[in-house]
Amino acid sequence: MSDLKIVAEPGRQDIVITRTFDAPREAVYAAMTDAESIARWWGLDETDTRVEVSDARPGGRWRYVEKGPDGAEYAFRGVFHDAVAPERIVQTFEFEGMPGHVAMDTYTLEEQDGRTLYTSVSVFQSVEDRDGMVASGMETGLSQSLDALEKLVTERG
């Protein structure tokens, strides 16, 4: 049972997400930055994710494309601003279907007795952009992605 918590307080420009993984943070960080791993956990259960680029270093780019069962593709991209293994990733996030609406995401991984506390803080350019993300159904995709990430890191031991 996941302890996923999503906090989007009214009137704020951020979303704070926390979840604990039953794996060391090195394993979680590796799965979050390795292209082959990302393709296995990122996105909705019913989509296939293609990682076109994932260069987790300051100035590096990322672009992932989800392909739905109907063949429709949805692309997401950003730039890494910081990547400190195994503790932190800072990157921009943009859905190409709504260009110009860019969020800044900071992921921190904290070791807790062999488990990892994952914290994600996404800061949007406006309250409206943040509210649009919440209204988009992002909670479903997020929950499915993090469940798949949990499965991947626990399988690897």
N, C-alpha and C. Protein backbone atom coordinates (compact mmCIF):
# COMPACT_ATOMS: atom_id res chain seq x y z
N MET A 1 0.84 -1.18 0.00
CA MET A 1 0.00 0.00 0.00
C MET A 1 0.89 1.25 0.00
N SER A 2 0.69 2.09 -0.97
CA SER A 2 1.49 3.30 -1.14
C SER A 2 1.10 4.36 -0.10
N ASP A 3 2.10 5.13 0.33
CA ASP A 3 1.84 6.26 1.23
C ASP A 3 1.90 7.59 0.46
N LEU A 4 1.58 7.54 -0.83
CA LEU A 4 1.62 8.72 -1.69
C LEU A 4 0.77 9.84 -1.10
N LYS A 5 1.37 11.03 -1.03
CA LYS A 5 0.67 12.21 -0.56
C LYS A 5 0.90 13.34 -1.56
N ILE A 6 -0.19 13.96 -2.02
CA ILE A 6 -0.12 15.07 -2.95
C ILE A 6 -0.76 16.28 -2.28
N VAL A 7 0.00 17.36 -2.15
CA VAL A 7 -0.51 18.57 -1.51
C VAL A 7 -0.50 19.70 -2.53
N ALA A 8 -1.68 20.22 -2.81
CA ALA A 8 -1.85 21.37 -3.71
C ALA A 8 -2.78 22.35 -3.01
N GLU A 9 -2.19 23.21 -2.19
CA GLU A 9 -2.99 24.14 -1.40
C GLU A 9 -3.58 25.23 -2.29
N PRO A 10 -4.83 25.60 -2.05
CA PRO A 10 -5.48 26.64 -2.85
C PRO A 10 -4.68 27.94 -2.85
N GLY A 11 -4.59 28.55 -4.04
CA GLY A 11 -3.94 29.84 -4.16
C GLY A 11 -2.42 29.80 -4.25
N ARG A 12 -1.83 28.61 -4.22
CA ARG A 12 -0.37 28.50 -4.31
C ARG A 12 0.04 28.03 -5.70
N GLN A 13 1.32 28.23 -6.03
CA GLN A 13 1.84 27.86 -7.34
C GLN A 13 2.58 26.54 -7.33
N ASP A 14 2.49 25.77 -6.23
CA ASP A 14 3.27 24.55 -6.15
C ASP A 14 2.41 23.32 -5.83
N ILE A 15 3.00 22.18 -6.14
CA ILE A 15 2.46 20.88 -5.77
C ILE A 15 3.60 20.15 -5.07
N VAL A 16 3.32 19.62 -3.87
CA VAL A 16 4.33 18.88 -3.12
C VAL A 16 3.87 17.43 -3.03
N ILE A 17 4.73 16.52 -3.44
CA ILE A 17 4.42 15.10 -3.48
C ILE A 17 5.44 14.36 -2.63
N THR A 18 4.96 13.46 -1.78
CA THR A 18 5.87 12.61 -1.01
C THR A 18 5.43 11.15 -1.14
N ARG A 19 6.41 10.29 -1.05
CA ARG A 19 6.14 8.85 -1.08
C ARG A 19 7.39 8.13 -0.59
N THR A 20 7.19 7.01 0.07
CA THR A 20 8.32 6.20 0.54
C THR A 20 8.46 4.98 -0.37
N PHE A 21 9.70 4.68 -0.73
CA PHE A 21 10.01 3.49 -1.53
C PHE A 21 10.78 2.51 -0.65
N ASP A 22 10.47 1.25 -0.79
CA ASP A 22 11.14 0.21 -0.03
C ASP A 22 12.41 -0.23 -0.75
N ALA A 23 13.31 0.73 -0.92
CA ALA A 23 14.58 0.51 -1.62
C ALA A 23 15.53 1.62 -1.23
N PRO A 24 16.84 1.36 -1.31
CA PRO A 24 17.81 2.42 -1.00
C PRO A 24 17.75 3.54 -2.05
N ARG A 25 18.12 4.74 -1.64
CA ARG A 25 17.98 5.88 -2.55
C ARG A 25 18.87 5.76 -3.78
N GLU A 26 19.99 5.06 -3.68
CA GLU A 26 20.83 4.86 -4.87
C GLU A 26 20.05 4.15 -5.97
N ALA A 27 19.25 3.16 -5.58
CA ALA A 27 18.44 2.41 -6.55
C ALA A 27 17.34 3.27 -7.14
N VAL A 28 16.72 4.09 -6.31
CA VAL A 28 15.65 4.97 -6.79
C VAL A 28 16.23 6.02 -7.73
N TYR A 29 17.34 6.63 -7.34
CA TYR A 29 17.98 7.64 -8.19
C TYR A 29 18.38 7.03 -9.54
N ALA A 30 18.99 5.85 -9.50
CA ALA A 30 19.41 5.20 -10.74
C ALA A 30 18.22 4.97 -11.67
N ALA A 31 17.10 4.50 -11.13
CA ALA A 31 15.91 4.25 -11.94
C ALA A 31 15.30 5.54 -12.47
N MET A 32 15.51 6.65 -11.76
CA MET A 32 14.97 7.94 -12.20
C MET A 32 15.83 8.61 -13.26
N THR A 33 17.05 8.12 -13.47
CA THR A 33 17.97 8.78 -14.40
C THR A 33 18.44 7.89 -15.55
N ASP A 34 18.17 6.61 -15.49
CA ASP A 34 18.59 5.66 -16.53
C ASP A 34 17.47 5.53 -17.57
N ALA A 35 17.79 5.78 -18.83
CA ALA A 35 16.78 5.80 -19.89
C ALA A 35 15.99 4.50 -19.99
N GLU A 36 16.67 3.37 -19.92
CA GLU A 36 15.98 2.07 -20.02
C GLU A 36 15.00 1.90 -18.86
N SER A 37 15.40 2.31 -17.67
CA SER A 37 14.52 2.21 -16.50
C SER A 37 13.34 3.16 -16.62
N ILE A 38 13.59 4.39 -17.03
CA ILE A 38 12.52 5.39 -17.17
C ILE A 38 11.44 4.87 -18.10
N ALA A 39 11.83 4.25 -19.19
CA ALA A 39 10.85 3.71 -20.16
C ALA A 39 9.95 2.65 -19.52
N ARG A 40 10.43 2.01 -18.47
CA ARG A 40 9.65 0.96 -17.81
C ARG A 40 8.67 1.48 -16.77
N TRP A 41 8.92 2.68 -16.20
CA TRP A 41 8.04 3.12 -15.11
C TRP A 41 7.31 4.44 -15.38
N TRP A 42 7.78 5.26 -16.30
CA TRP A 42 7.22 6.60 -16.48
C TRP A 42 5.96 6.55 -17.35
N GLY A 43 4.91 7.18 -16.92
CA GLY A 43 3.70 7.29 -17.72
C GLY A 43 2.57 6.42 -17.22
N LEU A 44 1.48 6.46 -17.96
CA LEU A 44 0.29 5.70 -17.61
C LEU A 44 0.48 4.21 -17.87
N ASP A 45 -0.27 3.39 -17.15
CA ASP A 45 -0.18 1.94 -17.33
C ASP A 45 -0.48 1.51 -18.76
N GLU A 46 -1.43 2.21 -19.41
CA GLU A 46 -1.86 1.79 -20.75
C GLU A 46 -1.03 2.40 -21.88
N THR A 47 0.00 3.19 -21.54
CA THR A 47 0.84 3.78 -22.57
C THR A 47 2.22 3.14 -22.56
N ASP A 48 2.91 3.30 -23.66
CA ASP A 48 4.32 2.90 -23.76
C ASP A 48 5.14 4.18 -23.80
N THR A 49 6.21 4.22 -23.04
CA THR A 49 7.05 5.41 -22.99
C THR A 49 8.35 5.17 -23.75
N ARG A 50 8.65 6.11 -24.64
CA ARG A 50 9.91 6.10 -25.39
C ARG A 50 10.76 7.25 -24.84
N VAL A 51 11.94 6.93 -24.40
CA VAL A 51 12.86 7.95 -23.90
C VAL A 51 13.76 8.35 -25.06
N GLU A 52 13.56 9.56 -25.57
CA GLU A 52 14.37 10.02 -26.70
C GLU A 52 15.71 10.55 -26.22
N VAL A 53 15.72 11.20 -25.07
CA VAL A 53 16.96 11.67 -24.47
C VAL A 53 16.74 11.81 -22.98
N SER A 54 17.76 11.45 -22.20
CA SER A 54 17.75 11.65 -20.76
C SER A 54 19.19 11.82 -20.32
N ASP A 55 19.62 13.07 -20.29
CA ASP A 55 21.00 13.42 -19.99
C ASP A 55 21.02 14.15 -18.65
N ALA A 56 20.99 13.36 -17.56
CA ALA A 56 20.83 13.91 -16.20
C ALA A 56 22.12 14.54 -15.69
N ARG A 57 22.34 15.77 -16.14
CA ARG A 57 23.48 16.59 -15.69
C ARG A 57 23.07 18.04 -15.93
N PRO A 58 23.66 18.97 -15.20
CA PRO A 58 23.30 20.38 -15.41
C PRO A 58 23.45 20.77 -16.88
N GLY A 59 22.38 21.30 -17.45
CA GLY A 59 22.36 21.67 -18.86
C GLY A 59 21.91 20.55 -19.78
N GLY A 60 21.81 19.33 -19.26
CA GLY A 60 21.36 18.20 -20.08
C GLY A 60 19.86 18.28 -20.33
N ARG A 61 19.41 17.65 -21.38
CA ARG A 61 18.00 17.68 -21.75
C ARG A 61 17.36 16.33 -21.49
N TRP A 62 16.02 16.35 -21.45
CA TRP A 62 15.25 15.11 -21.41
C TRP A 62 14.02 15.31 -22.28
N ARG A 63 13.57 14.21 -22.90
CA ARG A 63 12.33 14.20 -23.68
C ARG A 63 11.79 12.78 -23.69
N TYR A 64 10.55 12.63 -23.22
CA TYR A 64 9.88 11.34 -23.17
C TYR A 64 8.59 11.46 -23.97
N VAL A 65 8.26 10.40 -24.70
CA VAL A 65 7.05 10.37 -25.50
C VAL A 65 6.21 9.17 -25.08
N GLU A 66 4.98 9.45 -24.68
CA GLU A 66 4.04 8.38 -24.33
C GLU A 66 3.18 8.09 -25.54
N LYS A 67 3.02 6.79 -25.84
CA LYS A 67 2.18 6.39 -26.96
C LYS A 67 1.01 5.61 -26.39
N GLY A 68 -0.20 6.10 -26.68
CA GLY A 68 -1.41 5.46 -26.18
C GLY A 68 -1.82 4.28 -27.02
N PRO A 69 -2.79 3.49 -26.52
CA PRO A 69 -3.26 2.31 -27.27
C PRO A 69 -3.86 2.68 -28.63
N ASP A 70 -4.32 3.93 -28.78
CA ASP A 70 -4.89 4.38 -30.04
C ASP A 70 -3.83 4.94 -30.99
N GLY A 71 -2.55 4.90 -30.57
CA GLY A 71 -1.46 5.38 -31.41
C GLY A 71 -1.12 6.85 -31.19
N ALA A 72 -1.96 7.57 -30.44
CA ALA A 72 -1.68 8.99 -30.18
C ALA A 72 -0.43 9.11 -29.31
N GLU A 73 0.36 10.14 -29.59
CA GLU A 73 1.59 10.37 -28.84
C GLU A 73 1.52 11.69 -28.07
N TYR A 74 2.09 11.68 -26.87
CA TYR A 74 2.12 12.84 -25.99
C TYR A 74 3.55 13.01 -25.52
N ALA A 75 4.15 14.15 -25.83
CA ALA A 75 5.56 14.36 -25.53
C ALA A 75 5.74 15.35 -24.38
N PHE A 76 6.77 15.09 -23.59
CA PHE A 76 7.13 15.91 -22.44
C PHE A 76 8.62 16.15 -22.53
N ARG A 77 9.05 17.33 -22.07
CA ARG A 77 10.48 17.64 -22.19
C ARG A 77 10.91 18.60 -21.10
N GLY A 78 12.23 18.74 -20.98
CA GLY A 78 12.77 19.69 -20.03
C GLY A 78 14.28 19.73 -20.09
N VAL A 79 14.83 20.52 -19.18
CA VAL A 79 16.27 20.69 -19.05
C VAL A 79 16.64 20.42 -17.60
N PHE A 80 17.71 19.66 -17.40
CA PHE A 80 18.21 19.42 -16.06
C PHE A 80 19.00 20.64 -15.59
N HIS A 81 18.71 21.10 -14.40
CA HIS A 81 19.45 22.21 -13.81
C HIS A 81 20.44 21.73 -12.77
N ASP A 82 20.16 20.57 -12.17
CA ASP A 82 21.05 19.99 -11.18
C ASP A 82 20.77 18.49 -11.12
N ALA A 83 21.80 17.71 -10.87
CA ALA A 83 21.67 16.27 -10.69
C ALA A 83 22.81 15.82 -9.79
N VAL A 84 22.47 15.52 -8.55
CA VAL A 84 23.47 15.13 -7.56
C VAL A 84 23.11 13.73 -7.06
N ALA A 85 23.80 12.72 -7.60
CA ALA A 85 23.50 11.34 -7.22
C ALA A 85 23.92 11.11 -5.77
N PRO A 86 23.14 10.41 -4.99
CA PRO A 86 21.79 9.93 -5.24
C PRO A 86 20.73 10.79 -4.52
N GLU A 87 21.00 12.08 -4.38
CA GLU A 87 20.14 12.86 -3.50
C GLU A 87 19.18 13.85 -4.14
N ARG A 88 19.48 14.37 -5.34
CA ARG A 88 18.64 15.46 -5.85
C ARG A 88 18.68 15.56 -7.37
N ILE A 89 17.53 15.90 -7.93
CA ILE A 89 17.41 16.22 -9.35
C ILE A 89 16.55 17.49 -9.44
N VAL A 90 17.02 18.46 -10.21
CA VAL A 90 16.24 19.68 -10.47
C VAL A 90 16.12 19.80 -11.98
N GLN A 91 14.88 19.94 -12.45
CA GLN A 91 14.66 19.99 -13.90
C GLN A 91 13.39 20.78 -14.21
N THR A 92 13.32 21.25 -15.45
CA THR A 92 12.07 21.84 -15.91
C THR A 92 11.19 20.73 -16.46
N PHE A 93 9.90 21.01 -16.54
CA PHE A 93 8.91 20.05 -17.05
C PHE A 93 7.94 20.82 -17.93
N GLU A 94 7.77 20.34 -19.16
CA GLU A 94 6.83 20.98 -20.09
C GLU A 94 6.13 19.91 -20.92
N PHE A 95 4.80 19.97 -20.96
CA PHE A 95 4.01 19.12 -21.85
C PHE A 95 3.99 19.82 -23.19
N GLU A 96 4.47 19.15 -24.23
CA GLU A 96 4.57 19.79 -25.54
C GLU A 96 3.21 20.14 -26.13
N GLY A 97 2.15 19.49 -25.65
CA GLY A 97 0.80 19.80 -26.10
C GLY A 97 0.30 21.15 -25.60
N MET A 98 0.98 21.70 -24.60
CA MET A 98 0.67 23.04 -24.06
C MET A 98 1.97 23.80 -23.88
N PRO A 99 2.62 24.16 -24.99
CA PRO A 99 3.93 24.81 -24.89
C PRO A 99 3.86 26.13 -24.13
N GLY A 100 4.98 26.41 -23.46
CA GLY A 100 5.08 27.67 -22.73
C GLY A 100 4.65 27.58 -21.28
N HIS A 101 4.06 26.48 -20.88
CA HIS A 101 3.65 26.28 -19.49
C HIS A 101 4.69 25.36 -18.84
N VAL A 102 5.72 25.97 -18.29
CA VAL A 102 6.87 25.24 -17.78
C VAL A 102 6.88 25.27 -16.26
N ALA A 103 7.10 24.11 -15.66
CA ALA A 103 7.24 24.01 -14.21
C ALA A 103 8.69 23.69 -13.88
N MET A 104 9.11 24.07 -12.68
CA MET A 104 10.43 23.70 -12.17
C MET A 104 10.21 22.63 -11.11
N ASP A 105 10.78 21.43 -11.35
CA ASP A 105 10.61 20.29 -10.45
C ASP A 105 11.91 20.03 -9.70
N THR A 106 11.79 19.85 -8.38
CA THR A 106 12.92 19.46 -7.56
C THR A 106 12.55 18.15 -6.87
N TYR A 107 13.36 17.12 -7.12
CA TYR A 107 13.16 15.81 -6.50
C TYR A 107 14.29 15.61 -5.49
N THR A 108 13.93 15.27 -4.27
CA THR A 108 14.94 14.93 -3.28
C THR A 108 14.68 13.52 -2.78
N LEU A 109 15.77 12.80 -2.54
CA LEU A 109 15.70 11.42 -2.06
C LEU A 109 16.47 11.34 -0.76
N GLU A 110 15.78 10.94 0.31
CA GLU A 110 16.39 10.85 1.62
C GLU A 110 16.37 9.40 2.10
N GLU A 111 17.54 8.92 2.50
CA GLU A 111 17.68 7.56 3.04
C GLU A 111 17.05 7.49 4.43
N GLN A 112 16.22 6.48 4.65
CA GLN A 112 15.60 6.28 5.96
C GLN A 112 15.56 4.78 6.27
N ASP A 113 16.59 4.30 6.94
CA ASP A 113 16.68 2.88 7.33
C ASP A 113 16.51 1.94 6.15
N GLY A 114 17.26 2.18 5.08
CA GLY A 114 17.21 1.31 3.91
C GLY A 114 16.06 1.60 2.97
N ARG A 115 15.21 2.52 3.34
CA ARG A 115 14.10 2.95 2.49
C ARG A 115 14.40 4.36 2.00
N THR A 116 13.60 4.84 1.06
CA THR A 116 13.83 6.17 0.49
C THR A 116 12.58 7.02 0.60
N LEU A 117 12.74 8.21 1.18
CA LEU A 117 11.68 9.21 1.17
C LEU A 117 11.89 10.08 -0.06
N TYR A 118 10.92 10.00 -0.97
CA TYR A 118 10.92 10.77 -2.22
C TYR A 118 10.06 12.00 -1.99
N THR A 119 10.61 13.16 -2.28
CA THR A 119 9.84 14.40 -2.20
C THR A 119 10.00 15.13 -3.52
N SER A 120 8.88 15.51 -4.10
CA SER A 120 8.88 16.27 -5.34
C SER A 120 8.16 17.59 -5.09
N VAL A 121 8.82 18.68 -5.45
CA VAL A 121 8.19 20.00 -5.37
C VAL A 121 8.19 20.57 -6.78
N SER A 122 6.99 20.80 -7.31
CA SER A 122 6.83 21.40 -8.64
C SER A 122 6.30 22.81 -8.46
N VAL A 123 7.03 23.77 -9.00
CA VAL A 123 6.62 25.17 -8.92
C VAL A 123 6.24 25.63 -10.32
N PHE A 124 5.02 26.14 -10.43
CA PHE A 124 4.47 26.57 -11.71
C PHE A 124 4.58 28.08 -11.86
N GLN A 125 4.44 28.57 -13.08
CA GLN A 125 4.57 29.99 -13.36
C GLN A 125 3.40 30.80 -12.80
N SER A 126 2.27 30.14 -12.57
CA SER A 126 1.10 30.83 -12.04
C SER A 126 0.22 29.84 -11.28
N VAL A 127 -0.67 30.37 -10.47
CA VAL A 127 -1.65 29.53 -9.78
C VAL A 127 -2.53 28.83 -10.82
N GLU A 128 -2.85 29.54 -11.90
CA GLU A 128 -3.69 28.97 -12.96
C GLU A 128 -3.02 27.76 -13.61
N ASP A 129 -1.71 27.87 -13.89
CA ASP A 129 -0.99 26.73 -14.47
C ASP A 129 -1.00 25.55 -13.50
N ARG A 130 -0.75 25.82 -12.23
CA ARG A 130 -0.76 24.76 -11.23
C ARG A 130 -2.14 24.12 -11.15
N ASP A 131 -3.19 24.93 -11.12
CA ASP A 131 -4.55 24.40 -11.06
C ASP A 131 -4.89 23.59 -12.30
N GLY A 132 -4.37 24.01 -13.45
CA GLY A 132 -4.57 23.27 -14.69
C GLY A 132 -3.92 21.90 -14.63
N MET A 133 -2.74 21.82 -14.04
CA MET A 133 -2.06 20.53 -13.89
C MET A 133 -2.87 19.62 -12.98
N VAL A 134 -3.35 20.15 -11.86
CA VAL A 134 -4.15 19.35 -10.94
C VAL A 134 -5.42 18.85 -11.64
N ALA A 135 -6.07 19.72 -12.41
CA ALA A 135 -7.31 19.37 -13.10
C ALA A 135 -7.10 18.39 -14.26
N SER A 136 -5.85 18.25 -14.71
CA SER A 136 -5.56 17.40 -15.88
C SER A 136 -5.66 15.91 -15.57
N GLY A 137 -5.81 15.56 -14.31
CA GLY A 137 -5.80 14.15 -13.94
C GLY A 137 -4.41 13.64 -13.64
N MET A 138 -3.49 14.55 -13.38
CA MET A 138 -2.09 14.17 -13.14
C MET A 138 -1.94 13.19 -11.99
N GLU A 139 -2.88 13.18 -11.06
CA GLU A 139 -2.78 12.29 -9.90
C GLU A 139 -2.79 10.82 -10.34
N THR A 140 -3.60 10.48 -11.35
CA THR A 140 -3.66 9.10 -11.84
C THR A 140 -2.33 8.69 -12.45
N GLY A 141 -1.81 9.51 -13.35
CA GLY A 141 -0.53 9.19 -13.99
C GLY A 141 0.60 9.14 -13.00
N LEU A 142 0.61 10.07 -12.07
CA LEU A 142 1.64 10.09 -11.04
C LEU A 142 1.59 8.83 -10.19
N SER A 143 0.42 8.48 -9.73
CA SER A 143 0.25 7.29 -8.89
C SER A 143 0.69 6.03 -9.64
N GLN A 144 0.25 5.90 -10.90
CA GLN A 144 0.63 4.72 -11.69
C GLN A 144 2.14 4.69 -11.94
N SER A 145 2.74 5.83 -12.24
CA SER A 145 4.18 5.89 -12.49
C SER A 145 4.98 5.52 -11.24
N LEU A 146 4.60 6.09 -10.11
CA LEU A 146 5.36 5.81 -8.88
C LEU A 146 5.15 4.38 -8.41
N ASP A 147 3.97 3.81 -8.65
CA ASP A 147 3.77 2.38 -8.34
C ASP A 147 4.70 1.52 -9.20
N ALA A 148 4.82 1.88 -10.49
CA ALA A 148 5.70 1.13 -11.39
C ALA A 148 7.17 1.31 -11.00
N LEU A 149 7.53 2.51 -10.54
CA LEU A 149 8.89 2.76 -10.06
C LEU A 149 9.17 1.91 -8.83
N GLU A 150 8.22 1.84 -7.92
CA GLU A 150 8.35 0.99 -6.72
C GLU A 150 8.60 -0.46 -7.13
N LYS A 151 7.79 -0.96 -8.05
CA LYS A 151 7.92 -2.35 -8.51
C LYS A 151 9.31 -2.58 -9.12
N LEU A 152 9.77 -1.65 -9.92
CA LEU A 152 11.07 -1.79 -10.58
C LEU A 152 12.21 -1.82 -9.56
N VAL A 153 12.21 -0.88 -8.61
CA VAL A 153 13.34 -0.83 -7.66
C VAL A 153 13.31 -1.97 -6.65
N THR A 154 12.13 -2.48 -6.31
CA THR A 154 12.09 -3.61 -5.38
C THR A 154 12.44 -4.92 -6.08
N GLU A 155 12.10 -5.05 -7.37
CA GLU A 155 12.49 -6.24 -8.15
C GLU A 155 14.00 -6.35 -8.26
N ARG A 156 14.64 -5.21 -8.41
CA ARG A 156 16.10 -5.19 -8.57
C ARG A 156 16.83 -5.46 -7.28
N GLY A 157 16.08 -5.33 -6.16
CA GLY A 157 16.68 -5.60 -4.86
C GLY A 157 17.62 -4.57 -4.46
